[in-house]
């Protein structure tokens, strides 16, 4: 199962709106003949765009050797007829004898149906092996099913005292090259990356994955911009016809200016205003989910980050700390968002910490009580 999970991780950021799944087929009878505990006869993961599925890839590799095999799958095989036949039926038809599943699929079209189909066909079925790891791997897919929105990760790089820039706006570079490379790898595992129009005006970012050979893994670029203040000369707009770029704006936006962005290749998504007159984050996330986004990375400034915290829409923090102190003149990672008492502050649990060059990367998951949805 650990090997299947490793295969599934390769698919993150490329398979939306489908989950990232891994499958390994093992023949234990062949292993006995060779003196091994088992022989892997097939392996696969969900392919780009969500198809073919992992089970299909593994069965194709195994061919006739799939008969009598044990299948290790990170998510319950589908049981419904979609654009491809049900994976549960494919496993049955191939003669697989046993299946080990990490976790059930919460999609209402599956939700135990795949397991029932396999059991009815006489297969030996085990569920729950490495379940925690599998659920974490597909947190984005599960979020779209259970909360009707993508899984939201805020990534920020700050000084030790939580500053993202000097009071003059200088921010390049607070962290070192190793941390920046890790940030690009993080982009590759997400379906979309979001910034605010202020970040576009101040930094003019590309928001691509610029690791060697990984430009094709760049996520959809999303700008939250209620007034369409994004410069038409920005790198995002200039490359919108090459790299998918969306701007989430207000329904009341000027139609003439909107047309100019659309002519440049930008897709506009309109939502209603929140109580502060800015695009509603709740509506924005639902709109992204409807377009197949399951994992959203937010690399914004203090204002947009504060909006996500205020709305209780943050699921994970990836926080890079540089070994420097800037003081009160620096720009904070999050602006004020209405915390008057400690009980109002979002709470997180640290799940990982790593040294990345001279910097420190800490990963936190939100505690369930901190969500306001």
Protein backbone atom coordinates (compact mmCIF):
# COMPACT_ATOMS: atom_id res chain seq x y z
CA UNK A 1 0.00 0.00 0.00
CA UNK A 2 2.90 2.36 0.71
CA UNK A 3 4.05 1.83 -2.88
CA UNK A 4 0.53 2.52 -4.18
CA UNK A 5 0.41 5.75 -2.16
CA UNK A 6 3.74 6.77 -3.64
CA UNK A 7 2.34 6.24 -7.13
CA UNK A 8 -0.75 8.28 -6.27
CA UNK A 9 1.35 11.24 -5.09
CA UNK A 10 2.86 11.48 -8.57
CA UNK A 11 -0.57 12.38 -9.89
CA UNK A 12 -1.30 15.29 -7.53
CA UNK A 13 -1.95 18.50 -9.41
CA UNK A 14 -2.64 16.78 -12.73
CA UNK A 15 -5.85 14.75 -12.30
CA UNK A 16 -8.52 17.22 -11.14
CA UNK A 17 -11.44 16.91 -10.70
CA UNK A 18 -10.67 13.22 -10.10
CA UNK A 19 -8.82 11.90 -7.05
CA UNK A 20 -5.17 10.87 -7.28
CA UNK A 21 -5.15 7.07 -6.95
CA UNK A 22 -2.41 4.45 -7.01
CA UNK A 23 -2.73 0.71 -7.63
CA UNK A 24 -0.26 -2.16 -7.26
CA UNK A 25 -0.99 -5.76 -8.33
CA UNK A 26 0.93 -8.55 -6.57
CA UNK A 27 1.04 -12.28 -7.30
CA UNK A 28 2.06 -14.13 -4.15
CA UNK A 29 2.08 -17.57 -5.82
CA UNK A 30 4.72 -16.41 -8.29
CA UNK A 31 6.71 -14.96 -5.43
CA UNK A 32 6.96 -18.37 -3.78
CA UNK A 33 8.56 -19.82 -6.90
CA UNK A 34 11.23 -17.12 -6.93
CA UNK A 35 11.85 -17.12 -3.18
CA UNK A 36 10.29 -13.67 -2.75
CA UNK A 37 7.34 -12.65 -0.58
CA UNK A 38 5.46 -11.62 -3.69
CA UNK A 39 5.96 -10.42 -7.25
CA UNK A 40 4.61 -7.10 -8.48
CA UNK A 41 2.96 -7.74 -11.85
CA UNK A 42 1.28 -4.38 -12.40
CA UNK A 43 1.31 -0.83 -11.12
CA UNK A 44 -0.30 2.43 -12.13
CA UNK A 45 -1.67 5.78 -11.05
CA UNK A 46 -4.43 8.07 -12.29
CA UNK A 47 -3.21 9.73 -15.47
CA UNK A 48 -3.27 13.39 -16.47
CA UNK A 49 -6.79 14.75 -16.74
CA UNK A 50 -8.12 11.97 -14.49
CA UNK A 51 -8.09 9.10 -16.99
CA UNK A 52 -7.19 6.32 -17.41
CA UNK A 53 -7.72 5.31 -13.78
CA UNK A 54 -5.00 3.67 -11.69
CA UNK A 55 -6.60 0.22 -11.77
CA UNK A 56 -6.86 0.31 -15.57
CA UNK A 57 -3.16 1.19 -15.86
CA UNK A 58 -2.10 -1.57 -13.47
CA UNK A 59 -4.27 -4.20 -15.18
CA UNK A 60 -2.91 -3.21 -18.59
CA UNK A 61 0.64 -3.68 -17.34
CA UNK A 62 -0.15 -7.03 -15.71
CA UNK A 63 -2.05 -8.52 -18.62
CA UNK A 64 -2.91 -12.20 -17.98
CA UNK A 65 -0.79 -12.16 -14.80
CA UNK A 66 -3.56 -10.18 -13.10
CA UNK A 67 -5.50 -13.41 -12.66
CA UNK A 68 -5.11 -14.57 -9.05
CA UNK A 69 -3.42 -11.32 -7.98
CA UNK A 70 -3.98 -9.14 -4.93
CA UNK A 71 -4.74 -5.49 -5.76
CA UNK A 72 -3.62 -2.71 -3.41
CA UNK A 73 -5.64 0.42 -4.21
CA UNK A 74 -5.48 3.75 -2.35
CA UNK A 75 -9.17 4.58 -2.91
CA UNK A 76 -12.26 2.43 -3.33
CA UNK A 77 -12.60 1.39 -7.00
CA UNK A 78 -15.44 3.13 -8.81
CA UNK A 79 -18.63 1.17 -9.47
CA UNK A 80 -20.45 3.53 -11.84
CA UNK A 81 -20.33 3.86 -15.60
CA UNK A 82 -18.79 7.21 -16.49
CA UNK A 83 -16.53 8.07 -19.40
CA UNK A 84 -14.78 4.79 -18.63
CA UNK A 85 -16.16 1.41 -17.41
CA UNK A 86 -16.26 0.76 -13.63
CA UNK A 87 -12.86 -0.15 -12.20
CA UNK A 88 -14.45 -2.63 -9.79
CA UNK A 89 -15.84 -4.59 -12.75
CA UNK A 90 -12.47 -4.43 -14.54
CA UNK A 91 -10.76 -5.99 -11.51
CA UNK A 92 -13.39 -8.72 -11.36
CA UNK A 93 -13.17 -9.48 -15.10
CA UNK A 94 -9.37 -9.70 -14.86
CA UNK A 95 -9.61 -12.44 -12.25
CA UNK A 96 -8.16 -10.54 -9.31
CA UNK A 97 -8.79 -12.63 -6.17
CA UNK A 98 -8.18 -10.17 -3.34
CA UNK A 99 -8.31 -6.41 -2.98
CA UNK A 100 -6.88 -4.22 -0.24
CA UNK A 101 -8.33 -0.70 -0.14
CA UNK A 102 -6.92 2.20 1.87
CA UNK A 103 -10.17 4.19 2.21
CA UNK A 104 -13.72 4.41 0.92
CA UNK A 105 -14.71 6.87 -1.80
CA UNK A 106 -17.13 9.51 -0.40
CA UNK A 107 -18.52 10.32 -3.86
CA UNK A 108 -22.24 9.46 -3.78
CA UNK A 109 -21.83 7.56 -7.06
CA UNK A 110 -19.49 5.15 -5.28
CA UNK A 111 -19.70 5.40 -1.45
CA UNK A 112 -19.30 1.69 -0.74
CA UNK A 113 -20.81 0.52 -4.02
CA UNK A 114 -17.45 -0.57 -5.40
CA UNK A 115 -16.71 -2.66 -2.32
CA UNK A 116 -20.13 -4.30 -2.45
CA UNK A 117 -19.67 -5.18 -6.12
CA UNK A 118 -16.29 -6.77 -5.39
CA UNK A 119 -17.61 -8.74 -2.40
CA UNK A 120 -20.62 -9.93 -4.38
CA UNK A 121 -18.26 -11.29 -7.02
CA UNK A 122 -16.48 -13.33 -4.35
CA UNK A 123 -13.32 -11.29 -3.91
CA UNK A 124 -11.65 -11.09 -0.51
CA UNK A 125 -11.87 -7.39 0.45
CA UNK A 126 -9.89 -5.57 3.18
CA UNK A 127 -10.45 -1.87 3.91
CA UNK A 128 -8.58 0.64 6.04
CA UNK A 129 -4.92 -0.17 5.38
CA UNK A 130 -2.97 3.16 5.54
CA UNK A 131 -6.32 4.93 5.70
CA UNK A 132 -4.98 8.08 7.37
CA UNK A 133 -2.33 8.58 4.66
CA UNK A 134 -4.86 7.97 1.88
CA UNK A 135 -7.36 10.47 3.31
CA UNK A 136 -4.62 13.10 3.62
CA UNK A 137 -3.50 12.45 0.05
CA UNK A 138 -6.99 13.09 -1.32
CA UNK A 139 -7.99 15.88 1.06
CA UNK A 140 -8.78 18.06 -1.97
CA UNK A 141 -11.11 15.58 -3.63
CA UNK A 142 -12.81 14.83 -0.31
CA UNK A 143 -13.26 18.56 0.37
CA UNK A 144 -15.09 19.07 -2.93
CA UNK A 145 -17.44 16.21 -2.07
CA UNK A 146 -18.09 17.06 1.58
CA UNK A 147 -17.75 20.88 1.65
CA UNK A 148 -18.43 21.85 -1.97
CA UNK A 149 -15.12 23.69 -2.24
CA UNK A 150 -11.42 22.98 -2.83
CA UNK A 151 -8.95 22.24 -0.05
CA UNK A 152 -7.23 25.57 0.68
CA UNK A 153 -3.54 25.84 1.53
CA UNK A 154 -1.98 29.19 2.39
CA UNK A 155 1.72 29.37 1.66
CA UNK A 156 3.75 32.23 3.05
CA UNK A 157 7.42 33.11 3.48
CA UNK A 158 8.27 35.41 6.37
CA UNK A 159 10.90 36.58 8.79
CA UNK A 160 10.92 35.05 12.26
CA UNK A 161 8.58 37.81 13.41
CA UNK A 162 6.06 37.16 10.63
CA UNK A 163 6.92 39.91 8.12
CA UNK A 164 6.58 39.38 4.37
CA UNK A 165 8.18 42.65 3.20
CA UNK A 166 9.79 45.86 4.41
CA UNK A 167 7.67 48.97 4.79
CA UNK A 168 8.95 50.04 1.34
CA UNK A 169 7.61 46.80 -0.19
CA UNK A 170 10.92 44.98 -0.67
CA UNK A 171 10.38 41.21 -0.36
CA UNK A 172 12.73 39.53 -2.85
CA UNK A 173 14.10 37.50 -1.36
CA UNK A 174 13.32 36.83 2.29
CA UNK A 175 13.90 33.08 1.97
CA UNK A 176 16.74 31.32 0.19
CA UNK A 177 16.82 29.49 -3.15
CA UNK A 178 16.16 26.09 -1.58
CA UNK A 179 12.93 27.29 0.04
CA UNK A 180 11.84 28.96 -3.20
CA UNK A 181 12.43 25.71 -5.08
CA UNK A 182 10.30 23.86 -2.52
CA UNK A 183 7.60 26.47 -3.07
CA UNK A 184 7.64 25.73 -6.80
CA UNK A 185 7.30 22.01 -6.05
CA UNK A 186 4.29 22.87 -3.91
CA UNK A 187 2.73 24.63 -6.90
CA UNK A 188 3.11 21.46 -8.98
CA UNK A 189 0.95 19.47 -6.54
CA UNK A 190 -1.98 21.91 -6.66
CA UNK A 191 -4.66 22.42 -9.30
CA UNK A 192 -4.74 26.21 -9.00
CA UNK A 193 -2.80 29.04 -7.39
CA UNK A 194 -4.48 32.25 -6.20
CA UNK A 195 -3.22 35.77 -5.55
CA UNK A 196 -4.89 39.13 -5.15
CA UNK A 197 -4.61 41.99 -7.62
CA UNK A 198 -2.34 43.83 -5.17
CA UNK A 199 0.23 41.05 -5.41
CA UNK A 200 0.07 41.23 -9.21
CA UNK A 201 0.62 45.00 -9.16
CA UNK A 202 3.39 44.83 -6.58
CA UNK A 203 5.34 41.73 -7.64
CA UNK A 204 4.23 41.02 -11.23
CA UNK A 205 4.55 37.24 -10.64
CA UNK A 206 4.43 34.44 -13.21
CA UNK A 207 2.91 31.87 -10.80
CA UNK A 208 4.39 28.96 -12.75
CA UNK A 209 6.38 25.91 -11.65
CA UNK A 210 9.86 26.79 -12.85
CA UNK A 211 11.70 23.69 -11.69
CA UNK A 212 13.64 22.02 -14.53
CA UNK A 213 11.28 20.07 -16.77
CA UNK A 214 8.17 20.92 -14.74
CA UNK A 215 6.69 23.98 -16.46
CA UNK A 216 3.89 21.73 -17.75
CA UNK A 217 2.93 21.06 -14.12
CA UNK A 218 2.09 24.73 -13.52
CA UNK A 219 -1.35 25.16 -11.90
CA UNK A 220 -4.21 27.28 -13.19
CA UNK A 221 -3.47 30.89 -12.21
CA UNK A 222 -6.28 32.70 -10.41
CA UNK A 223 -6.45 36.39 -9.45
CA UNK A 224 -9.07 37.72 -7.05
CA UNK A 225 -9.76 41.20 -8.44
CA UNK A 226 -13.10 42.87 -7.83
CA UNK A 227 -12.35 46.01 -9.89
CA UNK A 228 -10.26 44.45 -12.67
CA UNK A 229 -7.29 46.47 -11.47
CA UNK A 230 -4.83 43.84 -12.71
CA UNK A 231 -2.48 45.58 -15.18
CA UNK A 232 -2.99 44.48 -18.76
CA UNK A 233 0.80 44.59 -19.09
CA UNK A 234 1.32 42.08 -16.27
CA UNK A 235 3.04 38.76 -16.96
CA UNK A 236 -0.15 36.90 -16.06
CA UNK A 237 -2.25 38.68 -18.69
CA UNK A 238 0.55 38.68 -21.27
CA UNK A 239 0.83 34.87 -21.08
CA UNK A 240 -2.85 34.05 -20.54
CA UNK A 241 -3.19 32.44 -23.96
CA UNK A 242 -0.34 30.03 -23.14
CA UNK A 243 -1.08 29.30 -19.47
CA UNK A 244 -4.64 29.07 -18.16
CA UNK A 245 -5.44 32.27 -16.26
CA UNK A 246 -8.69 33.16 -14.49
CA UNK A 247 -9.75 36.38 -12.79
CA UNK A 248 -12.51 36.25 -10.20
CA UNK A 249 -14.28 39.59 -10.20
CA UNK A 250 -17.61 41.16 -9.27
CA UNK A 251 -20.79 40.71 -11.29
CA UNK A 252 -21.00 44.52 -11.52
CA UNK A 253 -17.66 44.86 -13.32
CA UNK A 254 -17.45 47.18 -16.36
CA UNK A 255 -18.27 45.11 -19.45
CA UNK A 256 -15.94 47.06 -21.75
CA UNK A 257 -12.90 46.45 -19.53
CA UNK A 258 -13.97 42.84 -19.06
CA UNK A 259 -13.95 42.32 -22.81
CA UNK A 260 -10.35 43.53 -23.03
CA UNK A 261 -9.22 40.88 -20.55
CA UNK A 262 -11.19 38.20 -22.35
CA UNK A 263 -9.60 39.18 -25.66
CA UNK A 264 -6.21 38.72 -24.00
CA UNK A 265 -7.12 35.11 -23.13
CA UNK A 266 -8.20 35.59 -19.52
CA UNK A 267 -11.34 33.78 -18.34
CA UNK A 268 -13.48 35.96 -16.09
CA UNK A 269 -15.50 34.42 -13.26
CA UNK A 270 -18.07 36.71 -11.66
CA UNK A 271 -19.30 36.46 -8.08
CA UNK A 272 -21.28 38.66 -5.70
CA UNK A 273 -19.68 41.09 -3.27
CA UNK A 274 -19.21 40.28 0.41
CA UNK A 275 -20.10 42.71 3.20
CA UNK A 276 -16.89 44.66 2.53
CA UNK A 277 -17.60 45.04 -1.18
CA UNK A 278 -14.95 42.51 -2.23
CA UNK A 279 -15.57 39.28 -4.17
CA UNK A 280 -17.14 36.67 -1.90
CA UNK A 281 -14.53 34.05 -1.05
CA UNK A 282 -17.23 31.44 -0.41
CA UNK A 283 -18.69 31.98 -3.88
CA UNK A 284 -15.21 32.12 -5.40
CA UNK A 285 -14.30 28.71 -3.97
CA UNK A 286 -17.58 27.17 -5.11
CA UNK A 287 -16.93 28.56 -8.60
CA UNK A 288 -13.46 27.00 -8.62
CA UNK A 289 -14.90 23.67 -7.47
CA UNK A 290 -17.45 23.77 -10.30
CA UNK A 291 -14.52 24.12 -12.72
CA UNK A 292 -12.81 21.03 -11.34
CA UNK A 293 -10.36 22.57 -8.88
CA UNK A 294 -9.79 20.35 -5.83
CA UNK A 295 -6.57 21.79 -4.35
CA UNK A 296 -6.03 25.56 -4.16
CA UNK A 297 -2.71 27.14 -3.16
CA UNK A 298 -2.96 30.75 -1.95
CA UNK A 299 0.26 32.78 -2.33
CA UNK A 300 -1.20 36.16 -1.54
CA UNK A 301 -0.46 39.21 0.56
CA UNK A 302 -1.68 40.09 4.02
CA UNK A 303 -5.11 41.34 2.95
CA UNK A 304 -6.26 38.25 1.06
CA UNK A 305 -4.73 35.90 3.63
CA UNK A 306 -6.66 37.76 6.33
CA UNK A 307 -9.86 37.33 4.31
CA UNK A 308 -9.38 33.57 4.22
CA UNK A 309 -8.67 33.45 7.97
CA UNK A 310 -11.69 35.64 8.73
CA UNK A 311 -13.95 33.40 6.65
CA UNK A 312 -12.70 30.19 8.25
CA UNK A 313 -11.65 28.84 4.86
CA UNK A 314 -8.04 27.85 5.58
CA UNK A 315 -7.31 24.12 5.74
CA UNK A 316 -3.51 24.10 5.76
CA UNK A 317 -0.59 26.48 6.31
CA UNK A 318 2.82 26.01 4.72
CA UNK A 319 5.00 28.56 6.47
CA UNK A 320 8.61 29.25 5.47
CA UNK A 321 10.58 31.06 8.19
CA UNK A 322 13.79 32.89 7.28
CA UNK A 323 16.37 33.46 10.05
CA UNK A 324 15.96 37.23 10.20
CA UNK A 325 13.94 39.79 12.14
CA UNK A 326 12.38 42.88 10.58
CA UNK A 327 10.41 44.53 13.35
CA UNK A 328 7.15 46.43 13.43
CA UNK A 329 7.89 48.48 10.31
CA UNK A 330 7.59 45.34 8.18
CA UNK A 331 4.43 44.19 6.40
CA UNK A 332 2.64 41.43 8.36
CA UNK A 333 1.76 38.05 6.85
CA UNK A 334 -1.92 38.71 7.62
CA UNK A 335 -3.67 42.02 8.15
CA UNK A 336 -6.26 42.55 10.86
CA UNK A 337 -9.25 40.23 10.57
CA UNK A 338 -11.27 40.90 13.70
CA UNK A 339 -9.61 38.92 16.49
CA UNK A 340 -10.54 40.57 19.79
CA UNK A 341 -9.99 37.52 22.02
CA UNK A 342 -7.80 34.43 21.90
CA UNK A 343 -10.88 32.26 21.41
CA UNK A 344 -11.39 33.90 17.99
CA UNK A 345 -7.92 33.09 16.67
CA UNK A 346 -7.77 30.14 14.23
CA UNK A 347 -5.94 27.20 15.76
CA UNK A 348 -3.66 24.79 13.89
CA UNK A 349 -1.80 21.55 14.53
CA UNK A 350 1.76 21.22 13.24
CA UNK A 351 2.09 18.10 11.10
CA UNK A 352 5.59 18.59 9.65
CA UNK A 353 8.74 20.64 10.09
CA UNK A 354 11.85 20.57 7.88
CA UNK A 355 15.07 22.51 7.44
CA UNK A 356 15.19 23.82 3.86
CA UNK A 357 18.63 25.32 3.34
CA UNK A 358 18.98 28.11 5.92
CA UNK A 359 15.22 28.35 6.34
CA UNK A 360 12.58 26.37 8.19
CA UNK A 361 9.39 24.99 6.63
CA UNK A 362 6.49 24.24 8.96
CA UNK A 363 3.22 22.65 7.85
CA UNK A 364 0.04 23.06 9.89
CA UNK A 365 -3.47 21.64 9.49
CA UNK A 366 -6.40 23.58 10.87
CA UNK A 367 -8.13 22.17 13.91
CA UNK A 368 -11.76 21.29 13.05
CA UNK A 369 -13.12 23.76 15.60
CA UNK A 370 -11.45 26.61 13.70
CA UNK A 371 -13.62 26.12 10.63
CA UNK A 372 -16.71 28.31 10.53
CA UNK A 373 -18.43 26.63 7.58
